[in-house]
């Protein structure tokens, strides 16, 4: 019985990993978390503040096109930048094309 439980636990951990990635940081008493989300033809990200979803970004912001992130790493990089900006200001963050280029998300 214990053997089957271990096998089931192993399979579950492999399935739950997938391509999705996450990042979490705490500033004072506020916990910020970014999770990548898999969508049709690519990736996006969600930002959570103290467990509540405050942003769901399904396409690359700022570029004026409806293009998704090619990789979960790209989505996570941008989500982390958004969280960094959120920790520095109470306003919702805005990004620039230059920042996305510096991250290697766009050319």
PDB file of N, CA and C in Angstrom:
ATOM      1  N   UNK A   1       0.829  -1.198   0.000  1.00  0.00           N
ATOM      2  CA  UNK A   1       0.000   0.000   0.000  1.00  0.00           C
ATOM      3  C   UNK A   1       0.873   1.261   0.000  1.00  0.00           C
ATOM      4  N   UNK A   2       1.915   1.254   0.824  1.00  0.00           N
ATOM      5  CA  UNK A   2       2.798   2.411   0.904  1.00  0.00           C
ATOM      6  C   UNK A   2       3.481   2.646  -0.438  1.00  0.00           C
ATOM      7  N   UNK A   3       3.833   1.562  -1.136  1.00  0.00           N
ATOM      8  CA  UNK A   3       4.486   1.662  -2.446  1.00  0.00           C
ATOM      9  C   UNK A   3       3.573   2.374  -3.450  1.00  0.00           C
ATOM     10  N   UNK A   4       2.299   2.017  -3.460  1.00  0.00           N
ATOM     11  CA  UNK A   4       1.346   2.637  -4.384  1.00  0.00           C
ATOM     12  C   UNK A   4       1.144   4.117  -4.053  1.00  0.00           C
ATOM     13  N   UNK A   5       1.127   4.430  -2.773  1.00  0.00           N
ATOM     14  CA  UNK A   5       0.987   5.820  -2.356  1.00  0.00           C
ATOM     15  C   UNK A   5       2.175   6.643  -2.854  1.00  0.00           C
ATOM     16  N   UNK A   6       3.390   6.107  -2.718  1.00  0.00           N
ATOM     17  CA  UNK A   6       4.588   6.813  -3.183  1.00  0.00           C
ATOM     18  C   UNK A   6       4.582   6.998  -4.695  1.00  0.00           C
ATOM     19  N   UNK A   7       4.149   5.994  -5.421  1.00  0.00           N
ATOM     20  CA  UNK A   7       4.058   6.096  -6.883  1.00  0.00           C
ATOM     21  C   UNK A   7       3.035   7.166  -7.265  1.00  0.00           C
ATOM     22  N   UNK A   8       1.891   7.151  -6.612  1.00  0.00           N
ATOM     23  CA  UNK A   8       0.852   8.142  -6.886  1.00  0.00           C
ATOM     24  C   UNK A   8       1.357   9.549  -6.567  1.00  0.00           C
ATOM     25  N   UNK A   9       2.054   9.707  -5.466  1.00  0.00           N
ATOM     26  CA  UNK A   9       2.614  11.005  -5.093  1.00  0.00           C
ATOM     27  C   UNK A   9       3.635  11.473  -6.124  1.00  0.00           C
ATOM     28  N   UNK A  10       4.475  10.575  -6.603  1.00  0.00           N
ATOM     29  CA  UNK A  10       5.480  10.897  -7.619  1.00  0.00           C
ATOM     30  C   UNK A  10       4.809  11.352  -8.913  1.00  0.00           C
ATOM     31  N   UNK A  11       3.803  10.612  -9.373  1.00  0.00           N
ATOM     32  CA  UNK A  11       3.095  10.962 -10.608  1.00  0.00           C
ATOM     33  C   UNK A  11       2.412  12.316 -10.459  1.00  0.00           C
ATOM     34  N   UNK A  12       1.775  12.554  -9.332  1.00  0.00           N
ATOM     35  CA  UNK A  12       1.107  13.836  -9.099  1.00  0.00           C
ATOM     36  C   UNK A  12       2.099  14.983  -9.143  1.00  0.00           C
ATOM     37  N   UNK A  13       3.271  14.809  -8.555  1.00  0.00           N
ATOM     38  CA  UNK A  13       4.251  15.895  -8.540  1.00  0.00           C
ATOM     39  C   UNK A  13       4.765  16.196  -9.936  1.00  0.00           C
ATOM     40  N   UNK A  14       4.893  15.192 -10.787  1.00  0.00           N
ATOM     41  CA  UNK A  14       5.329  15.414 -12.168  1.00  0.00           C
ATOM     42  C   UNK A  14       4.249  16.143 -12.954  1.00  0.00           C
ATOM     43  N   UNK A  15       3.014  15.704 -12.813  1.00  0.00           N
ATOM     44  CA  UNK A  15       1.903  16.309 -13.548  1.00  0.00           C
ATOM     45  C   UNK A  15       1.691  17.751 -13.112  1.00  0.00           C
ATOM     46  N   UNK A  16       1.819  18.026 -11.830  1.00  0.00           N
ATOM     47  CA  UNK A  16       1.538  19.375 -11.346  1.00  0.00           C
ATOM     48  C   UNK A  16       2.642  20.361 -11.689  1.00  0.00           C
ATOM     49  N   UNK A  17       3.835  19.897 -12.025  1.00  0.00           N
ATOM     50  CA  UNK A  17       4.934  20.804 -12.372  1.00  0.00           C
ATOM     51  C   UNK A  17       4.653  21.503 -13.692  1.00  0.00           C
ATOM     52  N   UNK A  18       4.486  20.765 -14.758  1.00  0.00           N
ATOM     53  CA  UNK A  18       4.186  21.327 -16.071  1.00  0.00           C
ATOM     54  C   UNK A  18       5.129  22.439 -16.468  1.00  0.00           C
ATOM     55  N   UNK A  19       4.642  23.367 -17.275  1.00  0.00           N
ATOM     56  CA  UNK A  19       5.441  24.503 -17.727  1.00  0.00           C
ATOM     57  C   UNK A  19       5.198  25.742 -16.883  1.00  0.00           C
ATOM     58  N   UNK A  20       4.255  25.680 -15.978  1.00  0.00           N
ATOM     59  CA  UNK A  20       3.922  26.853 -15.183  1.00  0.00           C
ATOM     60  C   UNK A  20       4.991  27.102 -14.133  1.00  0.00           C
ATOM     61  N   UNK A  21       5.277  28.379 -13.921  1.00  0.00           N
ATOM     62  CA  UNK A  21       6.289  28.775 -12.959  1.00  0.00           C
ATOM     63  C   UNK A  21       5.702  29.828 -12.048  1.00  0.00           C
ATOM     64  N   UNK A  22       6.355  30.038 -10.911  1.00  0.00           N
ATOM     65  CA  UNK A  22       5.868  31.055  -9.996  1.00  0.00           C
ATOM     66  C   UNK A  22       7.024  31.727  -9.270  1.00  0.00           C
ATOM     67  N   UNK A  23       6.713  32.872  -8.691  1.00  0.00           N
ATOM     68  CA  UNK A  23       7.669  33.665  -7.932  1.00  0.00           C
ATOM     69  C   UNK A  23       6.893  34.337  -6.813  1.00  0.00           C
ATOM     70  N   UNK A  24       7.503  34.398  -5.634  1.00  0.00           N
ATOM     71  CA  UNK A  24       6.822  35.023  -4.512  1.00  0.00           C
ATOM     72  C   UNK A  24       7.806  35.875  -3.724  1.00  0.00           C
ATOM     73  N   UNK A  25       7.340  37.025  -3.257  1.00  0.00           N
ATOM     74  CA  UNK A  25       8.147  37.898  -2.408  1.00  0.00           C
ATOM     75  C   UNK A  25       7.239  38.549  -1.387  1.00  0.00           C
ATOM     76  N   UNK A  26       7.827  38.909  -0.258  1.00  0.00           N
ATOM     77  CA  UNK A  26       7.051  39.542   0.809  1.00  0.00           C
ATOM     78  C   UNK A  26       7.684  40.885   1.132  1.00  0.00           C
ATOM     79  N   UNK A  27       6.856  41.911   1.173  1.00  0.00           N
ATOM     80  CA  UNK A  27       7.293  43.256   1.541  1.00  0.00           C
ATOM     81  C   UNK A  27       6.399  43.701   2.692  1.00  0.00           C
ATOM     82  N   UNK A  28       7.002  43.957   3.838  1.00  0.00           N
ATOM     83  CA  UNK A  28       6.260  44.247   5.068  1.00  0.00           C
ATOM     84  C   UNK A  28       5.317  43.085   5.331  1.00  0.00           C
ATOM     85  N   UNK A  29       4.036  43.336   5.397  1.00  0.00           N
ATOM     86  CA  UNK A  29       3.059  42.260   5.631  1.00  0.00           C
ATOM     87  C   UNK A  29       2.320  41.868   4.363  1.00  0.00           C
ATOM     88  N   UNK A  30       2.837  42.253   3.212  1.00  0.00           N
ATOM     89  CA  UNK A  30       2.160  41.983   1.945  1.00  0.00           C
ATOM     90  C   UNK A  30       2.935  40.921   1.160  1.00  0.00           C
ATOM     91  N   UNK A  31       2.224  39.891   0.751  1.00  0.00           N
ATOM     92  CA  UNK A  31       2.831  38.818  -0.043  1.00  0.00           C
ATOM     93  C   UNK A  31       2.407  38.994  -1.497  1.00  0.00           C
ATOM     94  N   UNK A  32       3.393  39.120  -2.371  1.00  0.00           N
ATOM     95  CA  UNK A  32       3.170  39.232  -3.813  1.00  0.00           C
ATOM     96  C   UNK A  32       3.567  37.908  -4.445  1.00  0.00           C
ATOM     97  N   UNK A  33       2.727  37.413  -5.348  1.00  0.00           N
ATOM     98  CA  UNK A  33       3.037  36.162  -6.050  1.00  0.00           C
ATOM     99  C   UNK A  33       2.696  36.314  -7.527  1.00  0.00           C
ATOM    100  N   UNK A  34       3.580  35.818  -8.365  1.00  0.00           N
ATOM    101  CA  UNK A  34       3.336  35.762  -9.809  1.00  0.00           C
ATOM    102  C   UNK A  34       3.249  34.296 -10.185  1.00  0.00           C
ATOM    103  N   UNK A  35       2.257  33.942 -10.966  1.00  0.00           N
ATOM    104  CA  UNK A  35       2.128  32.585 -11.502  1.00  0.00           C
ATOM    105  C   UNK A  35       1.949  32.686 -13.007  1.00  0.00           C
ATOM    106  N   UNK A  36       2.721  31.904 -13.735  1.00  0.00           N
ATOM    107  CA  UNK A  36       2.496  31.873 -15.175  1.00  0.00           C
ATOM    108  C   UNK A  36       1.278  30.997 -15.444  1.00  0.00           C
ATOM    109  N   UNK A  37       0.584  31.331 -16.515  1.00  0.00           N
ATOM    110  CA  UNK A  37      -0.591  30.557 -16.906  1.00  0.00           C
ATOM    111  C   UNK A  37      -0.416  30.126 -18.360  1.00  0.00           C
ATOM    112  N   UNK A  38      -0.790  28.900 -18.619  1.00  0.00           N
ATOM    113  CA  UNK A  38      -0.720  28.382 -19.975  1.00  0.00           C
ATOM    114  C   UNK A  38      -2.023  28.721 -20.688  1.00  0.00           C
ATOM    115  N   UNK A  39      -1.890  29.363 -21.843  1.00  0.00           N
ATOM    116  CA  UNK A  39      -3.055  29.728 -22.638  1.00  0.00           C
ATOM    117  C   UNK A  39      -2.827  29.243 -24.061  1.00  0.00           C
ATOM    118  N   UNK A  40      -3.814  29.410 -24.883  1.00  0.00           N
ATOM    119  CA  UNK A  40      -3.710  28.958 -26.268  1.00  0.00           C
ATOM    120  C   UNK A  40      -2.492  29.588 -26.945  1.00  0.00           C
ATOM    121  N   UNK A  41      -1.625  28.764 -27.481  1.00  0.00           N
ATOM    122  CA  UNK A  41      -0.441  29.188 -28.231  1.00  0.00           C
ATOM    123  C   UNK A  41       0.631  29.894 -27.409  1.00  0.00           C
ATOM    124  N   UNK A  42       0.582  29.839 -26.079  1.00  0.00           N
ATOM    125  CA  UNK A  42       1.628  30.486 -25.307  1.00  0.00           C
ATOM    126  C   UNK A  42       1.331  30.577 -23.831  1.00  0.00           C
ATOM    127  N   UNK A  43       1.780  31.694 -23.250  1.00  0.00           N
ATOM    128  CA  UNK A  43       1.686  31.876 -21.809  1.00  0.00           C
ATOM    129  C   UNK A  43       1.274  33.291 -21.458  1.00  0.00           C
ATOM    130  N   UNK A  44       0.786  33.446 -20.253  1.00  0.00           N
ATOM    131  CA  UNK A  44       0.487  34.728 -19.653  1.00  0.00           C
ATOM    132  C   UNK A  44       0.902  34.646 -18.193  1.00  0.00           C
ATOM    133  N   UNK A  45       0.458  35.606 -17.388  1.00  0.00           N
ATOM    134  CA  UNK A  45       0.770  35.547 -15.967  1.00  0.00           C
ATOM    135  C   UNK A  45      -0.350  36.179 -15.155  1.00  0.00           C
ATOM    136  N   UNK A  46      -0.408  35.776 -13.903  1.00  0.00           N
ATOM    137  CA  UNK A  46      -1.330  36.370 -12.930  1.00  0.00           C
ATOM    138  C   UNK A  46      -0.506  36.882 -11.765  1.00  0.00           C
ATOM    139  N   UNK A  47      -0.933  38.008 -11.199  1.00  0.00           N
ATOM    140  CA  UNK A  47      -0.293  38.578 -10.021  1.00  0.00           C
ATOM    141  C   UNK A  47      -1.297  38.532  -8.878  1.00  0.00           C
ATOM    142  N   UNK A  48      -0.845  38.024  -7.735  1.00  0.00           N
ATOM    143  CA  UNK A  48      -1.670  37.920  -6.544  1.00  0.00           C
ATOM    144  C   UNK A  48      -1.067  38.789  -5.445  1.00  0.00           C
ATOM    145  N   UNK A  49      -1.923  39.453  -4.704  1.00  0.00           N
ATOM    146  CA  UNK A  49      -1.504  40.219  -3.535  1.00  0.00           C
ATOM    147  C   UNK A  49      -2.250  39.636  -2.342  1.00  0.00           C
ATOM    148  N   UNK A  50      -1.488  39.098  -1.399  1.00  0.00           N
ATOM    149  CA  UNK A  50      -2.072  38.408  -0.235  1.00  0.00           C
ATOM    150  C   UNK A  50      -3.113  37.379  -0.655  1.00  0.00           C
ATOM    151  N   UNK A  51      -2.795  36.639  -1.719  1.00  0.00           N
ATOM    152  CA  UNK A  51      -3.658  35.553  -2.175  1.00  0.00           C
ATOM    153  C   UNK A  51      -4.795  35.966  -3.090  1.00  0.00           C
ATOM    154  N   UNK A  52      -5.001  37.261  -3.295  1.00  0.00           N
ATOM    155  CA  UNK A  52      -6.092  37.729  -4.154  1.00  0.00           C
ATOM    156  C   UNK A  52      -5.532  38.125  -5.516  1.00  0.00           C
ATOM    157  N   UNK A  53      -6.128  37.579  -6.573  1.00  0.00           N
ATOM    158  CA  UNK A  53      -5.675  37.909  -7.926  1.00  0.00           C
ATOM    159  C   UNK A  53      -6.032  39.356  -8.245  1.00  0.00           C
ATOM    160  N   UNK A  54      -4.993  40.145  -8.601  1.00  0.00           N
ATOM    161  CA  UNK A  54      -5.227  41.549  -8.931  1.00  0.00           C
ATOM    162  C   UNK A  54      -4.930  41.845 -10.397  1.00  0.00           C
ATOM    163  N   UNK A  55      -4.153  40.985 -11.039  1.00  0.00           N
ATOM    164  CA  UNK A  55      -3.827  41.166 -12.457  1.00  0.00           C
ATOM    165  C   UNK A  55      -3.829  39.805 -13.131  1.00  0.00           C
ATOM    166  N   UNK A  56      -4.456  39.727 -14.289  1.00  0.00           N
ATOM    167  CA  UNK A  56      -4.330  38.558 -15.157  1.00  0.00           C
ATOM    168  C   UNK A  56      -3.961  39.087 -16.533  1.00  0.00           C
ATOM    169  N   UNK A  57      -2.750  38.809 -16.955  1.00  0.00           N
ATOM    170  CA  UNK A  57      -2.231  39.328 -18.222  1.00  0.00           C
ATOM    171  C   UNK A  57      -2.079  38.159 -19.197  1.00  0.00           C
ATOM    172  N   UNK A  58      -2.936  38.123 -20.202  1.00  0.00           N
ATOM    173  CA  UNK A  58      -2.928  37.019 -21.149  1.00  0.00           C
ATOM    174  C   UNK A  58      -2.178  37.346 -22.432  1.00  0.00           C
ATOM    175  N   UNK A  59      -1.688  38.576 -22.549  1.00  0.00           N
ATOM    176  CA  UNK A  59      -0.891  38.920 -23.724  1.00  0.00           C
ATOM    177  C   UNK A  59       0.225  39.876 -23.313  1.00  0.00           C
ATOM    178  N   UNK A  60       1.155  40.090 -24.207  1.00  0.00           N
ATOM    179  CA  UNK A  60       2.275  40.975 -23.920  1.00  0.00           C
ATOM    180  C   UNK A  60       1.750  42.409 -23.890  1.00  0.00           C
ATOM    181  N   UNK A  61       1.932  43.101 -22.758  1.00  0.00           N
ATOM    182  CA  UNK A  61       1.418  44.469 -22.671  1.00  0.00           C
ATOM    183  C   UNK A  61       2.253  45.450 -23.487  1.00  0.00           C
ATOM    184  N   UNK A  62       1.717  46.611 -23.755  1.00  0.00           N
ATOM    185  CA  UNK A  62       2.401  47.777 -24.323  1.00  0.00           C
ATOM    186  C   UNK A  62       2.638  47.706 -25.835  1.00  0.00           C
ATOM    187  N   UNK A  63       2.704  46.546 -26.419  1.00  0.00           N
ATOM    188  CA  UNK A  63       3.159  46.458 -27.817  1.00  0.00           C
ATOM    189  C   UNK A  63       2.073  46.771 -28.833  1.00  0.00           C
ATOM    190  N   UNK A  64       0.835  46.883 -28.402  1.00  0.00           N
ATOM    191  CA  UNK A  64      -0.240  47.238 -29.320  1.00  0.00           C
ATOM    192  C   UNK A  64      -0.694  46.087 -30.202  1.00  0.00           C
ATOM    193  N   UNK A  65      -0.307  44.879 -29.863  1.00  0.00           N
ATOM    194  CA  UNK A  65      -0.738  43.682 -30.586  1.00  0.00           C
ATOM    195  C   UNK A  65      -1.294  42.690 -29.582  1.00  0.00           C
ATOM    196  N   UNK A  66      -2.104  41.780 -30.057  1.00  0.00           N
ATOM    197  CA  UNK A  66      -2.631  40.725 -29.200  1.00  0.00           C
ATOM    198  C   UNK A  66      -1.732  39.497 -29.330  1.00  0.00           C
ATOM    199  N   UNK A  67      -0.524  39.593 -28.765  1.00  0.00           N
ATOM    200  CA  UNK A  67       0.465  38.512 -28.825  1.00  0.00           C
ATOM    201  C   UNK A  67       0.708  37.949 -27.445  1.00  0.00           C
ATOM    202  N   UNK A  68       0.749  36.621 -27.350  1.00  0.00           N
ATOM    203  CA  UNK A  68       1.015  35.962 -26.075  1.00  0.00           C
ATOM    204  C   UNK A  68       2.518  35.803 -25.884  1.00  0.00           C
ATOM    205  N   UNK A  69       2.925  35.528 -24.648  1.00  0.00           N
ATOM    206  CA  UNK A  69       4.326  35.243 -24.369  1.00  0.00           C
ATOM    207  C   UNK A  69       4.685  33.882 -24.959  1.00  0.00           C
ATOM    208  N   UNK A  70       5.852  33.786 -25.562  1.00  0.00           N
ATOM    209  CA  UNK A  70       6.281  32.530 -26.186  1.00  0.00           C
ATOM    210  C   UNK A  70       6.629  31.470 -25.154  1.00  0.00           C
ATOM    211  N   UNK A  71       7.193  31.894 -24.014  1.00  0.00           N
ATOM    212  CA  UNK A  71       7.613  30.935 -22.991  1.00  0.00           C
ATOM    213  C   UNK A  71       7.098  31.371 -21.619  1.00  0.00           C
ATOM    214  N   UNK A  72       7.032  30.407 -20.719  1.00  0.00           N
ATOM    215  CA  UNK A  72       6.643  30.745 -19.353  1.00  0.00           C
ATOM    216  C   UNK A  72       7.726  31.587 -18.685  1.00  0.00           C
ATOM    217  N   UNK A  73       8.984  31.410 -19.094  1.00  0.00           N
ATOM    218  CA  UNK A  73      10.073  32.230 -18.552  1.00  0.00           C
ATOM    219  C   UNK A  73       9.873  33.704 -18.906  1.00  0.00           C
ATOM    220  N   UNK A  74       9.477  33.984 -20.146  1.00  0.00           N
ATOM    221  CA  UNK A  74       9.221  35.371 -20.555  1.00  0.00           C
ATOM    222  C   UNK A  74       8.074  35.975 -19.735  1.00  0.00           C
ATOM    223  N   UNK A  75       7.004  35.218 -19.587  1.00  0.00           N
ATOM    224  CA  UNK A  75       5.854  35.702 -18.816  1.00  0.00           C
ATOM    225  C   UNK A  75       6.260  35.954 -17.369  1.00  0.00           C
ATOM    226  N   UNK A  76       7.069  35.065 -16.804  1.00  0.00           N
ATOM    227  CA  UNK A  76       7.497  35.221 -15.420  1.00  0.00           C
ATOM    228  C   UNK A  76       8.399  36.435 -15.249  1.00  0.00           C
ATOM    229  N   UNK A  77       9.296  36.677 -16.200  1.00  0.00           N
ATOM    230  CA  UNK A  77      10.182  37.847 -16.125  1.00  0.00           C
ATOM    231  C   UNK A  77       9.365  39.141 -16.076  1.00  0.00           C
ATOM    232  N   UNK A  78       8.370  39.241 -16.930  1.00  0.00           N
ATOM    233  CA  UNK A  78       7.549  40.450 -16.965  1.00  0.00           C
ATOM    234  C   UNK A  78       6.700  40.548 -15.695  1.00  0.00           C
ATOM    235  N   UNK A  79       6.148  39.432 -15.262  1.00  0.00           N
ATOM    236  CA  UNK A  79       5.371  39.429 -14.019  1.00  0.00           C
ATOM    237  C   UNK A  79       6.207  39.858 -12.823  1.00  0.00           C
ATOM    238  N   UNK A  80       7.454  39.422 -12.772  1.00  0.00           N
ATOM    239  CA  UNK A  80       8.346  39.825 -11.677  1.00  0.00           C
ATOM    240  C   UNK A  80       8.613  41.332 -11.720  1.00  0.00           C
ATOM    241  N   UNK A  81       8.789  41.879 -12.919  1.00  0.00           N
ATOM    242  CA  UNK A  81       8.993  43.320 -13.049  1.00  0.00           C
ATOM    243  C   UNK A  81       7.755  44.083 -12.570  1.00  0.00           C
ATOM    244  N   UNK A  82       6.589  43.583 -12.911  1.00  0.00           N
ATOM    245  CA  UNK A  82       5.342  44.203 -12.459  1.00  0.00           C
ATOM    246  C   UNK A  82       5.279  44.198 -10.928  1.00  0.00           C
ATOM    247  N   UNK A  83       5.605  43.069 -10.321  1.00  0.00           N
ATOM    248  CA  UNK A  83       5.593  42.978  -8.860  1.00  0.00           C
ATOM    249  C   UNK A  83       6.621  43.929  -8.258  1.00  0.00           C
ATOM    250  N   UNK A  84       7.786  44.002  -8.856  1.00  0.00           N
ATOM    251  CA  UNK A  84       8.809  44.929  -8.364  1.00  0.00           C
ATOM    252  C   UNK A  84       8.277  46.363  -8.352  1.00  0.00           C
ATOM    253  N   UNK A  85       7.602  46.737  -9.429  1.00  0.00           N
ATOM    254  CA  UNK A  85       7.033  48.082  -9.500  1.00  0.00           C
ATOM    255  C   UNK A  85       5.908  48.261  -8.486  1.00  0.00           C
ATOM    256  N   UNK A  86       5.120  47.224  -8.253  1.00  0.00           N
ATOM    257  CA  UNK A  86       4.033  47.296  -7.281  1.00  0.00           C
ATOM    258  C   UNK A  86       4.568  47.476  -5.862  1.00  0.00           C
ATOM    259  N   UNK A  87       5.725  46.927  -5.580  1.00  0.00           N
ATOM    260  CA  UNK A  87       6.297  47.069  -4.235  1.00  0.00           C
ATOM    261  C   UNK A  87       6.846  48.470  -4.003  1.00  0.00           C
ATOM    262  N   UNK A  88       7.039  49.228  -5.081  1.00  0.00           N
ATOM    263  CA  UNK A  88       7.605  50.567  -4.973  1.00  0.00           C
ATOM    264  C   UNK A  88       6.556  51.673  -5.048  1.00  0.00           C
ATOM    265  N   UNK A  89       5.323  51.319  -5.409  1.00  0.00           N
ATOM    266  CA  UNK A  89       4.281  52.325  -5.566  1.00  0.00           C
ATOM    267  C   UNK A  89       2.914  51.699  -5.325  1.00  0.00           C
ATOM    268  N   UNK A  90       1.965  52.517  -4.917  1.00  0.00           N
ATOM    269  CA  UNK A  90       0.603  52.010  -4.721  1.00  0.00           C
ATOM    270  C   UNK A  90      -0.208  52.058  -6.006  1.00  0.00           C
ATOM    271  N   UNK A  91       0.327  52.722  -7.036  1.00  0.00           N
ATOM    272  CA  UNK A  91      -0.350  52.778  -8.330  1.00  0.00           C
ATOM    273  C   UNK A  91      -0.164  51.460  -9.068  1.00  0.00           C
ATOM    274  N   UNK A  92      -1.121  51.155  -9.949  1.00  0.00           N
ATOM    275  CA  UNK A  92      -0.922  49.988 -10.806  1.00  0.00           C
ATOM    276  C   UNK A  92       0.262  50.269 -11.719  1.00  0.00           C
ATOM    277  N   UNK A  93       1.113  49.291 -11.920  1.00  0.00           N
ATOM    278  CA  UNK A  93       2.345  49.528 -12.676  1.00  0.00           C
ATOM    279  C   UNK A  93       2.093  49.672 -14.172  1.00  0.00           C
ATOM    280  N   UNK A  94       2.966  50.418 -14.810  1.00  0.00           N
ATOM    281  CA  UNK A  94       2.952  50.492 -16.268  1.00  0.00           C
ATOM    282  C   UNK A  94       4.331  50.084 -16.756  1.00  0.00           C
ATOM    283  N   UNK A  95       4.355  49.491 -17.926  1.00  0.00           N
ATOM    284  CA  UNK A  95       5.605  49.020 -18.514  1.00  0.00           C
ATOM    285  C   UNK A  95       5.883  49.803 -19.790  1.00  0.00           C
ATOM    286  N   UNK A  96       7.134  49.737 -20.232  1.00  0.00           N
ATOM    287  CA  UNK A  96       7.509  50.357 -21.500  1.00  0.00           C
ATOM    288  C   UNK A  96       8.056  49.303 -22.447  1.00  0.00           C
ATOM    289  N   UNK A  97       8.049  49.622 -23.729  1.00  0.00           N
ATOM    290  CA  UNK A  97       8.638  48.714 -24.713  1.00  0.00           C
ATOM    291  C   UNK A  97      10.121  48.502 -24.427  1.00  0.00           C
ATOM    292  N   UNK A  98      10.792  49.566 -23.963  1.00  0.00           N
ATOM    293  CA  UNK A  98      12.223  49.461 -23.658  1.00  0.00           C
ATOM    294  C   UNK A  98      12.477  48.439 -22.549  1.00  0.00           C
ATOM    295  N   UNK A  99      11.612  48.426 -21.549  1.00  0.00           N
ATOM    296  CA  UNK A  99      11.762  47.440 -20.470  1.00  0.00           C
ATOM    297  C   UNK A  99      11.566  46.010 -20.989  1.00  0.00           C
ATOM    298  N   UNK A 100      10.578  45.836 -21.872  1.00  0.00           N
ATOM    299  CA  UNK A 100      10.340  44.514 -22.442  1.00  0.00           C
ATOM    300  C   UNK A 100      11.510  44.080 -23.322  1.00  0.00           C
ATOM    301  N   UNK A 101      12.107  45.027 -24.049  1.00  0.00           N
ATOM    302  CA  UNK A 101      13.293  44.716 -24.844  1.00  0.00           C
ATOM    303  C   UNK A 101      14.461  44.338 -23.946  1.00  0.00           C
ATOM    304  N   UNK A 102      14.643  45.072 -22.854  1.00  0.00           N
ATOM    305  CA  UNK A 102      15.742  44.785 -21.935  1.00  0.00           C
ATOM    306  C   UNK A 102      15.603  43.393 -21.307  1.00  0.00           C
ATOM    307  N   UNK A 103      14.376  42.952 -21.123  1.00  0.00           N
ATOM    308  CA  UNK A 103      14.131  41.610 -20.580  1.00  0.00           C
ATOM    309  C   UNK A 103      14.267  40.526 -21.649  1.00  0.00           C
ATOM    310  N   UNK A 104      14.362  40.941 -22.916  1.00  0.00           N
ATOM    311  CA  UNK A 104      14.466  39.969 -24.009  1.00  0.00           C
ATOM    312  C   UNK A 104      13.146  39.369 -24.429  1.00  0.00           C
ATOM    313  N   UNK A 105      12.049  40.016 -24.043  1.00  0.00           N
ATOM    314  CA  UNK A 105      10.717  39.491 -24.369  1.00  0.00           C
ATOM    315  C   UNK A 105      10.294  39.895 -25.774  1.00  0.00           C
ATOM    316  N   UNK A 106      10.693  41.106 -26.187  1.00  0.00           N
ATOM    317  CA  UNK A 106      10.428  41.557 -27.550  1.00  0.00           C
ATOM    318  C   UNK A 106      11.733  42.063 -28.160  1.00  0.00           C
ATOM    319  N   UNK A 107      11.725  42.227 -29.461  1.00  0.00           N
ATOM    320  CA  UNK A 107      12.933  42.725 -30.157  1.00  0.00           C
ATOM    321  C   UNK A 107      12.889  44.220 -30.323  1.00  0.00           C
TER     322      UNK A 107
END
